[in-house]
């Protein structure tokens, strides 16, 4: 008997057990016209209590049969055997990924999403703290199975790894809470000092803008690049840089947690998808996509985004390598 048929058998036997008038009828005696039998049974029942019990059984049956007929996600044997996914994250980018108060555990929105995806795949998620600029090379070498570290999907990055999109974010500017300059956009950075994290799209944007400033006969942007976001924040606090740049949810979190040390300035720009980075030819991209779709459909995705205050970045249709598409 198939998994689906076992589910239906269980359902109808459960319903019969609640109907004394049909107690002697076996599941095997049901004809394909099950709907007629159910209609007849409901009409014969006079007790509201019995109707309530039957309704509960039918509801439970619907859930059971749906789960019984669901097709499991095909995960490559390598990951089934190891029983976990090693996931890299630069844990200096709250609220997406950061270190908990115990000083060692990686937590954040990406971690919660990663665990939910791994659960759908039938394995565990092991998050490893790693410097952002080291992650893609490490994925290429096979050190990590995948990464959830607020990667903005770009065509250049898609050349070396695959991505599964899972939310969107732009770039925001933030400055000192008192006396910080007004920045409306990239063009306003000419002649200013900017702090950014190494390997980010913000580092590339600031460097490109500096070239455009010089080409326009204006002062260059002084770009200070730091190994992590914490270093960039300290540079602004100490006065070594005037402006910080980070993904919009991260910049908002930095300002919120700074207790007045920082403030946002101007508007976010270049909204783009975040992606789960996966080694090419690993066979993992499609299963991760399917698992993410199930996390979204279940409502757990929305709960996670709400928990971390990043609901504005939610998406409905994740995809593999959307920058190429």
Protein backbone atom coordinates (compact mmCIF):
# COMPACT_ATOMS: atom_id res chain seq x y z
CA UNK A 1 0.00 0.00 0.00
CA UNK A 2 1.28 3.45 -0.85
CA UNK A 3 2.00 6.10 1.79
CA UNK A 4 -0.99 8.10 0.54
CA UNK A 5 -3.35 5.11 0.67
CA UNK A 6 -2.21 4.27 4.20
CA UNK A 7 -3.08 7.83 5.13
CA UNK A 8 -6.59 7.58 3.65
CA UNK A 9 -7.15 4.20 5.32
CA UNK A 10 -6.22 5.66 8.69
CA UNK A 11 -8.54 8.63 8.12
CA UNK A 12 -11.64 6.61 7.27
CA UNK A 13 -11.06 4.10 10.06
CA UNK A 14 -10.78 6.99 12.52
CA UNK A 15 -14.06 8.45 11.28
CA UNK A 16 -15.84 5.09 11.48
CA UNK A 17 -14.71 4.64 15.05
CA UNK A 18 -16.76 7.72 15.97
CA UNK A 19 -19.91 6.55 14.19
CA UNK A 20 -21.74 3.79 16.13
CA UNK A 21 -24.22 3.28 13.29
CA UNK A 22 -21.36 2.26 10.96
CA UNK A 23 -19.08 0.58 13.48
CA UNK A 24 -19.19 -2.79 11.74
CA UNK A 25 -18.20 -1.45 8.33
CA UNK A 26 -14.57 -2.01 7.43
CA UNK A 27 -12.43 0.41 5.44
CA UNK A 28 -11.97 -2.22 2.72
CA UNK A 29 -15.72 -2.12 2.04
CA UNK A 30 -15.63 1.51 0.94
CA UNK A 31 -16.25 2.10 -2.73
CA UNK A 32 -14.67 4.93 -4.70
CA UNK A 33 -17.85 6.92 -3.93
CA UNK A 34 -16.61 7.93 -0.48
CA UNK A 35 -18.27 11.32 -0.73
CA UNK A 36 -21.73 9.73 -0.85
CA UNK A 37 -21.00 7.66 2.24
CA UNK A 38 -19.83 10.72 4.15
CA UNK A 39 -22.93 12.67 3.10
CA UNK A 40 -25.22 9.84 4.19
CA UNK A 41 -23.46 9.55 7.53
CA UNK A 42 -23.75 13.26 8.30
CA UNK A 43 -27.48 13.20 7.55
CA UNK A 44 -28.04 10.21 9.86
CA UNK A 45 -26.27 11.87 12.80
CA UNK A 46 -28.56 13.84 15.08
CA UNK A 47 -26.22 14.64 17.97
CA UNK A 48 -24.31 17.93 17.78
CA UNK A 49 -21.64 16.32 19.95
CA UNK A 50 -21.14 13.57 17.39
CA UNK A 51 -21.03 16.12 14.60
CA UNK A 52 -18.34 18.04 16.46
CA UNK A 53 -16.29 14.91 17.01
CA UNK A 54 -16.66 13.96 13.36
CA UNK A 55 -15.60 17.42 12.24
CA UNK A 56 -12.49 17.15 14.38
CA UNK A 57 -11.68 13.77 12.88
CA UNK A 58 -12.12 15.07 9.34
CA UNK A 59 -9.86 18.05 10.05
CA UNK A 60 -7.19 15.78 11.53
CA UNK A 61 -7.60 13.47 8.58
CA UNK A 62 -7.00 16.31 6.13
CA UNK A 63 -3.74 17.24 7.85
CA UNK A 64 -2.56 13.64 8.07
CA UNK A 65 -3.36 12.81 4.47
CA UNK A 66 -1.69 15.98 3.19
CA UNK A 67 1.49 15.19 5.08
CA UNK A 68 1.37 11.56 4.02
CA UNK A 69 1.28 12.49 0.37
CA UNK A 70 3.97 15.22 0.57
CA UNK A 71 7.07 14.51 -1.47
CA UNK A 72 10.28 14.71 0.59
CA UNK A 73 13.01 17.04 -0.67
CA UNK A 74 15.79 15.17 -2.45
CA UNK A 75 19.05 15.98 -0.65
CA UNK A 76 22.39 14.75 -2.06
CA UNK A 77 23.64 11.66 -0.22
CA UNK A 78 26.75 13.46 1.04
CA UNK A 79 24.69 15.80 3.22
CA UNK A 80 22.32 13.06 4.36
CA UNK A 81 25.24 11.02 5.63
CA UNK A 82 26.93 13.86 7.49
CA UNK A 83 23.59 14.87 9.03
CA UNK A 84 24.30 18.60 9.10
CA UNK A 85 25.12 21.62 6.97
CA UNK A 86 28.18 23.69 7.86
CA UNK A 87 27.05 27.29 7.31
CA UNK A 88 29.50 30.22 7.37
CA UNK A 89 28.51 33.67 8.63
CA UNK A 90 30.40 36.84 9.50
CA UNK A 91 28.89 37.33 12.95
CA UNK A 92 29.41 41.11 13.14
CA UNK A 93 26.35 42.10 11.13
CA UNK A 94 23.39 42.34 13.51
CA UNK A 95 20.52 41.68 13.29
CA UNK A 96 21.35 39.24 10.49
CA UNK A 97 24.24 37.44 12.22
CA UNK A 98 26.09 38.30 15.41
CA UNK A 99 27.55 36.78 18.57
CA UNK A 100 25.21 36.19 21.50
CA UNK A 101 25.91 37.37 25.04
CA UNK A 102 27.67 34.09 25.82
CA UNK A 103 30.50 35.28 23.56
CA UNK A 104 30.49 32.30 21.22
CA UNK A 105 27.05 31.41 19.82
CA UNK A 106 26.13 32.83 16.42
CA UNK A 107 22.57 34.20 16.43
CA UNK A 108 20.40 36.41 14.24
CA UNK A 109 17.82 36.35 11.45
CA UNK A 110 20.06 34.40 9.06
CA UNK A 111 20.70 31.81 11.75
CA UNK A 112 17.00 31.30 12.44
CA UNK A 113 16.26 31.00 8.72
CA UNK A 114 19.19 28.64 8.19
CA UNK A 115 17.99 26.35 10.96
CA UNK A 116 14.45 26.34 9.56
CA UNK A 117 15.75 25.42 6.10
CA UNK A 118 17.99 22.66 7.47
CA UNK A 119 15.08 21.21 9.41
CA UNK A 120 13.03 20.95 6.21
CA UNK A 121 15.97 19.10 4.66
CA UNK A 122 16.14 16.68 7.58
CA UNK A 123 19.57 17.80 8.84
CA UNK A 124 21.00 20.21 11.42
CA UNK A 125 22.53 23.64 10.80
CA UNK A 126 26.01 24.29 12.23
CA UNK A 127 26.89 27.99 11.98
CA UNK A 128 30.59 28.91 11.89
CA UNK A 129 31.86 32.48 12.43
CA UNK A 130 34.13 33.58 9.55
CA UNK A 131 35.43 36.86 8.13
CA UNK A 132 33.18 38.04 5.31
CA UNK A 133 35.84 38.33 2.60
CA UNK A 134 37.05 34.77 3.30
CA UNK A 135 33.70 33.04 2.88
CA UNK A 136 33.34 32.75 -0.90
CA UNK A 137 36.88 31.37 -1.40
CA UNK A 138 36.19 28.90 1.43
CA UNK A 139 32.96 27.80 -0.27
CA UNK A 140 34.89 27.22 -3.48
CA UNK A 141 37.42 25.05 -1.66
CA UNK A 142 34.70 22.98 0.02
CA UNK A 143 35.38 24.17 3.56
CA UNK A 144 31.73 25.14 4.09
CA UNK A 145 28.53 23.65 2.69
CA UNK A 146 26.91 27.06 2.28
CA UNK A 147 26.80 30.56 3.72
CA UNK A 148 24.08 32.81 5.08
CA UNK A 149 25.85 36.09 5.71
CA UNK A 150 23.82 38.92 4.16
CA UNK A 151 25.37 38.41 0.73
CA UNK A 152 23.97 40.84 -1.83
CA UNK A 153 23.56 38.84 -5.04
CA UNK A 154 25.65 40.22 -7.90
CA UNK A 155 26.53 38.82 -11.30
CA UNK A 156 30.21 38.82 -10.37
CA UNK A 157 29.57 36.70 -7.30
CA UNK A 158 27.30 34.38 -9.27
CA UNK A 159 30.24 33.53 -11.49
CA UNK A 160 31.89 31.61 -8.66
CA UNK A 161 29.02 30.45 -6.41
CA UNK A 162 25.29 29.85 -6.71
CA UNK A 163 22.75 31.87 -4.76
CA UNK A 164 19.24 31.25 -3.50
CA UNK A 165 17.52 34.58 -2.88
CA UNK A 166 15.72 34.94 0.45
CA UNK A 167 15.08 38.65 1.12
CA UNK A 168 15.96 42.13 -0.14
CA UNK A 169 17.96 45.02 1.31
CA UNK A 170 19.35 48.34 0.18
CA UNK A 171 22.31 50.38 1.48
CA UNK A 172 21.88 53.07 4.13
CA UNK A 173 24.18 55.81 5.42
CA UNK A 174 24.68 56.50 9.11
CA UNK A 175 26.71 59.15 10.94
CA UNK A 176 27.36 60.40 14.47
CA UNK A 177 24.20 61.26 16.34
CA UNK A 178 25.52 64.73 17.07
CA UNK A 179 27.33 66.75 14.44
CA UNK A 180 27.27 64.09 11.76
CA UNK A 181 27.13 65.33 8.13
CA UNK A 182 24.03 65.14 5.99
CA UNK A 183 24.33 62.57 3.21
CA UNK A 184 21.51 62.30 0.68
CA UNK A 185 23.27 59.90 -1.68
CA UNK A 186 26.59 58.64 -3.01
CA UNK A 187 27.35 61.92 -4.79
CA UNK A 188 27.46 63.69 -1.41
CA UNK A 189 30.43 61.58 -0.30
CA UNK A 190 32.98 63.62 -2.30
CA UNK A 191 35.58 64.95 0.13
CA UNK A 192 34.24 62.85 3.04
CA UNK A 193 35.77 59.92 4.93
CA UNK A 194 33.80 56.66 4.84
CA UNK A 195 34.09 53.46 6.90
CA UNK A 196 33.03 50.15 5.32
CA UNK A 197 33.51 46.42 5.82
CA UNK A 198 35.95 44.57 3.58
CA UNK A 199 34.44 42.62 0.71
CA UNK A 200 31.01 44.29 0.85
CA UNK A 201 29.11 45.99 -1.95
CA UNK A 202 29.41 49.17 0.12
CA UNK A 203 33.20 49.04 -0.13
CA UNK A 204 32.91 48.73 -3.91
CA UNK A 205 30.32 51.52 -4.11
CA UNK A 206 32.44 53.93 -2.06
CA UNK A 207 35.57 53.22 -4.13
CA UNK A 208 33.67 53.70 -7.39
CA UNK A 209 32.14 56.94 -6.14
CA UNK A 210 35.58 58.25 -5.24
CA UNK A 211 36.67 57.79 -8.87
CA UNK A 212 33.56 59.61 -10.07
CA UNK A 213 34.23 62.48 -7.67
CA UNK A 214 37.77 62.92 -9.02
CA UNK A 215 36.54 62.69 -12.63
CA UNK A 216 34.09 65.50 -11.86
CA UNK A 217 36.88 67.68 -10.47
CA UNK A 218 35.85 67.17 -6.84
CA UNK A 219 37.73 65.76 -3.86
CA UNK A 220 38.07 62.01 -3.61
CA UNK A 221 36.28 59.91 -1.01
CA UNK A 222 38.60 58.68 1.72
CA UNK A 223 37.57 55.02 2.02
CA UNK A 224 38.65 53.11 5.13
CA UNK A 225 38.08 49.36 4.85
CA UNK A 226 37.84 47.21 7.99
CA UNK A 227 37.84 43.43 8.53
CA UNK A 228 34.38 43.56 10.13
CA UNK A 229 31.47 45.91 10.75
CA UNK A 230 32.47 46.52 14.36
CA UNK A 231 35.73 48.07 13.18
CA UNK A 232 33.86 50.40 10.83
CA UNK A 233 31.55 51.51 13.63
CA UNK A 234 34.49 52.26 15.96
CA UNK A 235 36.11 54.38 13.27
CA UNK A 236 33.06 56.66 13.21
CA UNK A 237 32.87 56.84 17.01
CA UNK A 238 36.55 57.80 17.23
CA UNK A 239 36.28 60.42 14.47
CA UNK A 240 38.50 58.56 11.99
CA UNK A 241 35.56 58.42 9.58
CA UNK A 242 32.52 60.62 9.07
CA UNK A 243 30.10 58.23 7.39
CA UNK A 244 29.25 54.55 7.71
CA UNK A 245 27.61 52.47 5.01
CA UNK A 246 25.84 49.14 5.56
CA UNK A 247 22.87 47.12 4.36
CA UNK A 248 19.66 48.88 5.37
CA UNK A 249 18.48 46.41 8.06
CA UNK A 250 21.97 46.35 9.56
CA UNK A 251 22.35 50.14 9.54
CA UNK A 252 18.95 50.48 11.20
CA UNK A 253 20.00 47.99 13.89
CA UNK A 254 23.33 49.78 14.47
CA UNK A 255 21.52 53.08 15.01
CA UNK A 256 18.86 51.51 17.24
CA UNK A 257 21.43 49.80 19.46
CA UNK A 258 23.81 52.79 19.64
CA UNK A 259 21.60 54.72 22.08
CA UNK A 260 22.04 57.99 20.25
CA UNK A 261 25.67 57.58 19.14
CA UNK A 262 24.57 57.15 15.50
CA UNK A 263 21.70 58.31 13.32
CA UNK A 264 20.55 57.42 9.81
CA UNK A 265 20.94 60.06 7.14
CA UNK A 266 19.43 60.31 3.64
CA UNK A 267 17.57 57.50 1.89
CA UNK A 268 18.52 53.89 1.21
CA UNK A 269 19.61 53.08 -2.35
CA UNK A 270 20.00 50.08 -4.64
CA UNK A 271 17.62 47.59 -3.11
CA UNK A 272 18.86 44.12 -4.12
CA UNK A 273 18.31 40.49 -3.10
CA UNK A 274 20.22 38.73 -0.34
CA UNK A 275 21.33 35.22 -1.27
CA UNK A 276 22.29 31.97 0.40
CA UNK A 277 25.71 31.25 -1.10
CA UNK A 278 26.27 27.65 -2.23
CA UNK A 279 29.25 26.01 -4.00
CA UNK A 280 28.60 25.41 -7.68
CA UNK A 281 27.87 21.85 -8.80
CA UNK A 282 27.18 20.75 -5.20
CA UNK A 283 23.60 19.67 -5.93
CA UNK A 284 22.49 21.71 -2.92
CA UNK A 285 20.96 24.81 -4.54
CA UNK A 286 17.68 23.21 -5.67
CA UNK A 287 16.98 21.41 -2.35
CA UNK A 288 17.69 24.64 -0.42
CA UNK A 289 15.31 26.53 -2.72
CA UNK A 290 12.54 23.98 -2.16
CA UNK A 291 13.11 23.99 1.60
CA UNK A 292 12.98 27.79 1.70
CA UNK A 293 9.70 27.76 -0.23
CA UNK A 294 8.25 25.43 2.40
CA UNK A 295 9.49 27.68 5.22
CA UNK A 296 7.78 30.65 3.53
CA UNK A 297 4.54 28.73 2.90
CA UNK A 298 4.39 27.53 6.52
CA UNK A 299 4.44 31.08 7.90
CA UNK A 300 7.68 30.52 9.82
CA UNK A 301 9.58 32.84 7.47
CA UNK A 302 7.28 35.77 8.30
CA UNK A 303 7.61 35.06 12.03
CA UNK A 304 11.41 35.14 11.83
CA UNK A 305 11.47 38.42 9.93
CA UNK A 306 9.03 39.95 12.41
CA UNK A 307 11.14 38.76 15.35
CA UNK A 308 14.18 40.66 14.04
CA UNK A 309 12.32 43.73 12.76
CA UNK A 310 13.15 43.20 9.08
CA UNK A 311 9.73 42.46 7.60
CA UNK A 312 10.25 45.16 4.94
CA UNK A 313 12.80 42.88 3.28
CA UNK A 314 10.55 39.85 2.93
CA UNK A 315 9.99 38.16 -0.45
CA UNK A 316 7.43 35.66 -1.77
CA UNK A 317 9.27 34.04 -4.67
CA UNK A 318 12.84 32.91 -3.94
CA UNK A 319 14.95 31.90 -6.92
CA UNK A 320 18.34 30.50 -7.88
CA UNK A 321 20.78 33.11 -9.26
CA UNK A 322 18.23 35.89 -9.86
CA UNK A 323 20.93 38.41 -10.83
CA UNK A 324 21.67 36.31 -13.92
CA UNK A 325 17.99 35.96 -14.73
